[in-house]
Amino acid sequence: MQPRWTTTLNPPNRKGIQYCALDAVDQSALLALVNSADVRAHLIEHPIFDQTLLADWIASKMEIHEHPQYCVCAVMVDNELAGWCGIQPDEDGAELAIVISKAHWGLGLKVFRNMMAWSRNAGHKEVLFHLLETRRSYRALEKMAKEVRSSDRLGRQFTTYILSTEAEK
């Protein structure tokens, strides 16, 4: 069986999405992604990454990835880094994280669907999806969610969608 992060989708007339380990991608491309103003606008404020901070961040994500119920990986399109995604531990359960570069924002839904399937396969009954206050509300997520609530994390407001993994079959 292939590791869960090597799944490749090649839908007709669409670019293929590949998933790979964060430590296997071009580190300069990953550094540019995590420091991009367009990406940072939708994340909790954090210092600009340098090579050392990036290496520490990758190591922490790879440690999460080692756990069989979690997964953190790079999102690639035609061998180009498009972003990263993960199913990560959260104080209230498992959290989905999707960070996509502006050039690839249209891929988020496909990545989301894959992550819901991975969550189900990993045994999670539900997952949390936190979107920072800078993000608009998503009617489709609201319809899928068991519950939608406002949450405060690290001094910022989020809309938290509590999603059943069974709803995405």
Foldseek 3Di string as FASTA:
>chain_A
DDPLQQDWDDDPPDWIKGWDQPVPADVVLVLCQVQPPVQCVWDDDDDRDDPVNSVVVSVVQVVQCVDLQKHKTFIDTPNHTFWIWMFGQDPVGTEIDTGGDPVPVVCVVVVVLSVLVSNVVSPHQKYKYKTFPVDDDDPVLVVQAPDWDWDADPRTITIIGIGGSVSSD
